[in-house]
Amino acid sequence: MEIRTKASNEGNNRTAYLLSALARVAGIDKLRVCGKWYRHDPNTHRSDDERTVYVAGLSYDVSKEFMPFVAWRHQNGGNDSEVVDRHKYRIGFRFKH
């Protein structure tokens, strides 16, 4: 699904695609699995600045307001000043009020 094709201030065309999912685990109602894939090209006239990101994670509903999570993120690509291939892990919580 294309979410944006927009001209920037410099006259460059940008494209971005996003696909995400969130599902409960059968048998464990409070456990959720999530995933996301997105691709971003800030300048379609260059071939060396595209970025692809994958995210996978688990969260647990302790209550309606408090949900701790763990997630893994992998990124490929980017411009010359960025790391081309990297992994990140995140542990945190979401609090709704």
N, C-alpha and C. Protein backbone atom coordinates (compact mmCIF):
# COMPACT_ATOMS: atom_id res chain seq x y z
N MET A 1 0.84 -1.16 0.00
CA MET A 1 0.00 0.00 0.00
C MET A 1 0.89 1.23 0.00
N GLU A 2 0.76 2.07 -0.97
CA GLU A 2 1.54 3.31 -1.00
C GLU A 2 0.85 4.33 -0.14
N ILE A 3 1.59 4.92 0.79
CA ILE A 3 0.97 5.89 1.67
C ILE A 3 1.31 7.33 1.31
N ARG A 4 2.41 7.52 0.53
CA ARG A 4 2.71 8.90 0.19
C ARG A 4 3.62 8.96 -1.03
N THR A 5 3.30 9.83 -1.92
CA THR A 5 4.19 10.24 -3.00
C THR A 5 4.07 11.75 -3.03
N LYS A 6 5.14 12.44 -2.67
CA LYS A 6 5.04 13.87 -2.46
C LYS A 6 6.30 14.55 -2.96
N ALA A 7 6.15 15.72 -3.54
CA ALA A 7 7.31 16.51 -3.93
C ALA A 7 7.83 17.27 -2.71
N SER A 8 9.13 17.24 -2.50
CA SER A 8 9.71 17.96 -1.37
C SER A 8 10.05 19.39 -1.79
N ASN A 9 10.59 20.15 -0.87
CA ASN A 9 10.97 21.53 -1.16
C ASN A 9 12.06 21.62 -2.21
N GLU A 10 12.92 20.60 -2.29
CA GLU A 10 14.01 20.60 -3.25
C GLU A 10 13.57 20.13 -4.63
N GLY A 11 12.33 19.76 -4.80
CA GLY A 11 11.84 19.26 -6.08
C GLY A 11 12.03 17.77 -6.26
N ASN A 12 12.42 17.06 -5.21
CA ASN A 12 12.59 15.61 -5.28
C ASN A 12 11.27 14.91 -5.04
N ASN A 13 11.05 13.78 -5.70
CA ASN A 13 9.88 12.96 -5.42
C ASN A 13 10.24 11.96 -4.34
N ARG A 14 9.32 11.73 -3.43
CA ARG A 14 9.50 10.76 -2.35
C ARG A 14 8.44 9.68 -2.48
N THR A 15 8.77 8.46 -2.06
CA THR A 15 7.77 7.40 -1.98
C THR A 15 7.95 6.67 -0.66
N ALA A 16 6.85 6.16 -0.13
CA ALA A 16 6.88 5.40 1.11
C ALA A 16 5.78 4.35 1.07
N TYR A 17 6.09 3.17 1.55
CA TYR A 17 5.14 2.07 1.62
C TYR A 17 5.14 1.53 3.04
N LEU A 18 3.99 1.12 3.54
CA LEU A 18 3.87 0.62 4.91
C LEU A 18 2.89 -0.55 4.95
N LEU A 19 3.27 -1.59 5.67
CA LEU A 19 2.40 -2.72 5.93
C LEU A 19 2.60 -3.10 7.39
N SER A 20 1.54 -3.16 8.18
CA SER A 20 1.66 -3.51 9.59
C SER A 20 0.53 -4.42 10.02
N ALA A 21 0.77 -5.18 11.09
CA ALA A 21 -0.22 -6.12 11.61
C ALA A 21 -0.08 -6.24 13.12
N LEU A 22 -1.20 -6.48 13.78
CA LEU A 22 -1.25 -6.72 15.22
C LEU A 22 -2.27 -7.82 15.44
N ALA A 23 -1.87 -8.88 16.13
CA ALA A 23 -2.77 -10.02 16.34
C ALA A 23 -2.61 -10.57 17.75
N ARG A 24 -3.69 -11.06 18.30
CA ARG A 24 -3.64 -11.74 19.60
C ARG A 24 -3.22 -13.19 19.38
N VAL A 25 -2.54 -13.74 20.37
CA VAL A 25 -2.09 -15.13 20.31
C VAL A 25 -3.22 -16.02 20.84
N ALA A 26 -3.60 -17.04 20.07
CA ALA A 26 -4.68 -17.95 20.47
C ALA A 26 -4.32 -18.66 21.77
N GLY A 27 -5.24 -18.69 22.69
CA GLY A 27 -5.04 -19.36 23.96
C GLY A 27 -4.44 -18.48 25.04
N ILE A 28 -3.81 -17.39 24.66
CA ILE A 28 -3.25 -16.43 25.62
C ILE A 28 -3.79 -15.06 25.22
N ASP A 29 -4.98 -14.74 25.70
CA ASP A 29 -5.70 -13.54 25.24
C ASP A 29 -4.94 -12.23 25.44
N LYS A 30 -4.09 -12.16 26.44
CA LYS A 30 -3.41 -10.90 26.73
C LYS A 30 -2.11 -10.72 25.95
N LEU A 31 -1.67 -11.74 25.25
CA LEU A 31 -0.42 -11.65 24.49
C LEU A 31 -0.71 -11.24 23.05
N ARG A 32 0.05 -10.29 22.54
CA ARG A 32 -0.11 -9.82 21.17
C ARG A 32 1.21 -9.93 20.42
N VAL A 33 1.11 -10.22 19.13
CA VAL A 33 2.25 -10.25 18.22
C VAL A 33 2.06 -9.10 17.24
N CYS A 34 3.13 -8.37 16.98
CA CYS A 34 3.02 -7.27 16.04
C CYS A 34 4.16 -7.33 15.04
N GLY A 35 3.92 -6.76 13.88
CA GLY A 35 4.94 -6.71 12.85
C GLY A 35 4.71 -5.51 11.95
N LYS A 36 5.80 -5.02 11.38
CA LYS A 36 5.71 -3.87 10.49
C LYS A 36 6.81 -3.97 9.44
N TRP A 37 6.48 -3.58 8.22
CA TRP A 37 7.46 -3.47 7.14
C TRP A 37 7.23 -2.13 6.48
N TYR A 38 8.29 -1.37 6.30
CA TYR A 38 8.12 -0.16 5.51
C TYR A 38 9.37 0.14 4.71
N ARG A 39 9.12 0.82 3.61
CA ARG A 39 10.17 1.19 2.67
C ARG A 39 10.01 2.67 2.37
N HIS A 40 11.11 3.38 2.44
CA HIS A 40 11.09 4.83 2.23
C HIS A 40 12.20 5.21 1.26
N ASP A 41 11.85 6.00 0.29
CA ASP A 41 12.81 6.53 -0.67
C ASP A 41 12.66 8.05 -0.68
N PRO A 42 13.55 8.79 0.00
CA PRO A 42 13.39 10.24 0.09
C PRO A 42 13.64 10.99 -1.21
N ASN A 43 14.31 10.34 -2.16
CA ASN A 43 14.57 10.98 -3.45
C ASN A 43 14.57 9.89 -4.51
N THR A 44 13.51 9.82 -5.29
CA THR A 44 13.39 8.75 -6.28
C THR A 44 14.39 8.89 -7.43
N HIS A 45 15.07 10.03 -7.51
CA HIS A 45 16.08 10.22 -8.57
C HIS A 45 17.44 9.64 -8.20
N ARG A 46 17.63 9.28 -6.93
CA ARG A 46 18.87 8.64 -6.47
C ARG A 46 18.59 7.19 -6.15
N SER A 47 19.56 6.32 -6.35
CA SER A 47 19.35 4.90 -6.07
C SER A 47 20.04 4.45 -4.79
N ASP A 48 20.79 5.33 -4.11
CA ASP A 48 21.56 4.91 -2.94
C ASP A 48 20.99 5.41 -1.62
N ASP A 49 19.75 5.88 -1.60
CA ASP A 49 19.20 6.42 -0.36
C ASP A 49 17.92 5.71 0.10
N GLU A 50 17.59 4.58 -0.50
CA GLU A 50 16.39 3.84 -0.10
C GLU A 50 16.61 3.14 1.23
N ARG A 51 15.56 3.02 2.02
CA ARG A 51 15.64 2.40 3.33
C ARG A 51 14.49 1.42 3.49
N THR A 52 14.79 0.21 3.95
CA THR A 52 13.77 -0.79 4.26
C THR A 52 13.90 -1.17 5.73
N VAL A 53 12.77 -1.18 6.45
CA VAL A 53 12.77 -1.46 7.88
C VAL A 53 11.78 -2.58 8.18
N TYR A 54 12.22 -3.54 9.02
CA TYR A 54 11.38 -4.64 9.49
C TYR A 54 11.31 -4.53 11.02
N VAL A 55 10.11 -4.69 11.58
CA VAL A 55 9.91 -4.65 13.02
C VAL A 55 9.06 -5.85 13.41
N ALA A 56 9.45 -6.56 14.48
CA ALA A 56 8.67 -7.66 15.03
C ALA A 56 8.69 -7.53 16.55
N GLY A 57 7.56 -7.83 17.19
CA GLY A 57 7.52 -7.67 18.63
C GLY A 57 6.40 -8.43 19.30
N LEU A 58 6.47 -8.44 20.63
CA LEU A 58 5.46 -9.04 21.49
C LEU A 58 5.07 -8.03 22.56
N SER A 59 3.79 -8.01 22.90
CA SER A 59 3.34 -7.18 24.02
C SER A 59 2.36 -7.99 24.86
N TYR A 60 2.21 -7.58 26.11
CA TYR A 60 1.33 -8.29 27.04
C TYR A 60 0.46 -7.26 27.74
N ASP A 61 -0.86 -7.48 27.71
CA ASP A 61 -1.81 -6.56 28.35
C ASP A 61 -1.91 -6.88 29.84
N VAL A 62 -1.13 -6.20 30.67
CA VAL A 62 -1.23 -6.37 32.11
C VAL A 62 -2.58 -5.85 32.58
N SER A 63 -2.98 -4.71 32.02
CA SER A 63 -4.31 -4.14 32.25
C SER A 63 -4.68 -3.37 30.99
N LYS A 64 -5.85 -2.73 30.99
CA LYS A 64 -6.24 -1.94 29.82
C LYS A 64 -5.30 -0.75 29.61
N GLU A 65 -4.68 -0.30 30.68
CA GLU A 65 -3.84 0.89 30.61
C GLU A 65 -2.35 0.60 30.46
N PHE A 66 -1.89 -0.58 30.84
CA PHE A 66 -0.44 -0.85 30.91
C PHE A 66 -0.08 -2.08 30.07
N MET A 67 0.78 -1.88 29.07
CA MET A 67 1.19 -2.96 28.17
C MET A 67 2.70 -2.93 27.95
N PRO A 68 3.47 -3.77 28.65
CA PRO A 68 4.91 -3.86 28.36
C PRO A 68 5.13 -4.59 27.04
N PHE A 69 6.27 -4.28 26.39
CA PHE A 69 6.56 -4.91 25.10
C PHE A 69 8.06 -5.11 24.93
N VAL A 70 8.39 -5.98 23.99
CA VAL A 70 9.76 -6.18 23.52
C VAL A 70 9.69 -6.22 22.01
N ALA A 71 10.64 -5.56 21.34
CA ALA A 71 10.59 -5.48 19.88
C ALA A 71 12.00 -5.55 19.30
N TRP A 72 12.08 -6.05 18.07
CA TRP A 72 13.32 -6.12 17.30
C TRP A 72 13.12 -5.32 16.03
N ARG A 73 14.11 -4.52 15.66
CA ARG A 73 14.03 -3.68 14.45
C ARG A 73 15.28 -3.89 13.63
N HIS A 74 15.09 -4.09 12.33
CA HIS A 74 16.21 -4.26 11.41
C HIS A 74 16.05 -3.27 10.27
N GLN A 75 17.14 -2.57 9.95
CA GLN A 75 17.10 -1.59 8.87
C GLN A 75 18.18 -1.90 7.84
N ASN A 76 17.78 -1.85 6.59
CA ASN A 76 18.72 -1.96 5.46
C ASN A 76 18.69 -0.64 4.71
N GLY A 77 19.84 -0.18 4.29
CA GLY A 77 19.90 1.01 3.44
C GLY A 77 19.96 2.29 4.21
N GLY A 78 19.91 3.38 3.49
CA GLY A 78 20.02 4.71 4.04
C GLY A 78 20.97 5.52 3.20
N ASN A 79 21.26 6.73 3.62
CA ASN A 79 22.20 7.53 2.84
C ASN A 79 23.63 7.31 3.32
N ASP A 80 24.59 8.02 2.75
CA ASP A 80 26.01 7.80 3.03
C ASP A 80 26.38 8.05 4.48
N SER A 81 25.65 8.91 5.20
CA SER A 81 26.00 9.23 6.57
C SER A 81 25.40 8.27 7.58
N GLU A 82 24.61 7.29 7.16
CA GLU A 82 23.96 6.36 8.07
C GLU A 82 24.57 4.97 7.98
N VAL A 83 24.37 4.19 9.03
CA VAL A 83 24.76 2.79 9.01
C VAL A 83 23.86 2.07 8.01
N VAL A 84 24.44 1.24 7.16
CA VAL A 84 23.68 0.62 6.08
C VAL A 84 22.87 -0.58 6.56
N ASP A 85 23.35 -1.30 7.55
CA ASP A 85 22.66 -2.51 8.01
C ASP A 85 22.76 -2.54 9.53
N ARG A 86 21.63 -2.45 10.23
CA ARG A 86 21.70 -2.44 11.69
C ARG A 86 20.49 -3.11 12.33
N HIS A 87 20.70 -3.59 13.54
CA HIS A 87 19.66 -4.23 14.35
C HIS A 87 19.52 -3.44 15.65
N LYS A 88 18.29 -3.32 16.13
CA LYS A 88 18.03 -2.68 17.42
C LYS A 88 17.02 -3.51 18.17
N TYR A 89 17.15 -3.53 19.48
CA TYR A 89 16.18 -4.19 20.35
C TYR A 89 15.62 -3.14 21.29
N ARG A 90 14.34 -3.24 21.58
CA ARG A 90 13.70 -2.27 22.45
C ARG A 90 12.81 -2.98 23.46
N ILE A 91 12.92 -2.56 24.71
CA ILE A 91 12.03 -3.02 25.77
C ILE A 91 11.39 -1.78 26.35
N GLY A 92 10.07 -1.80 26.50
CA GLY A 92 9.39 -0.62 27.01
C GLY A 92 7.97 -0.96 27.42
N PHE A 93 7.18 0.07 27.56
CA PHE A 93 5.76 -0.13 27.90
C PHE A 93 4.94 0.98 27.26
N ARG A 94 3.70 0.67 27.09
CA ARG A 94 2.73 1.64 26.60
C ARG A 94 1.73 1.86 27.72
N PHE A 95 1.48 3.12 28.02
CA PHE A 95 0.55 3.47 29.09
C PHE A 95 -0.54 4.34 28.52
N LYS A 96 -1.78 3.89 28.61
CA LYS A 96 -2.93 4.68 28.15
C LYS A 96 -3.68 5.19 29.37
N HIS A 97 -4.17 6.40 29.29
CA HIS A 97 -4.98 6.94 30.39
C HIS A 97 -6.30 7.45 29.91
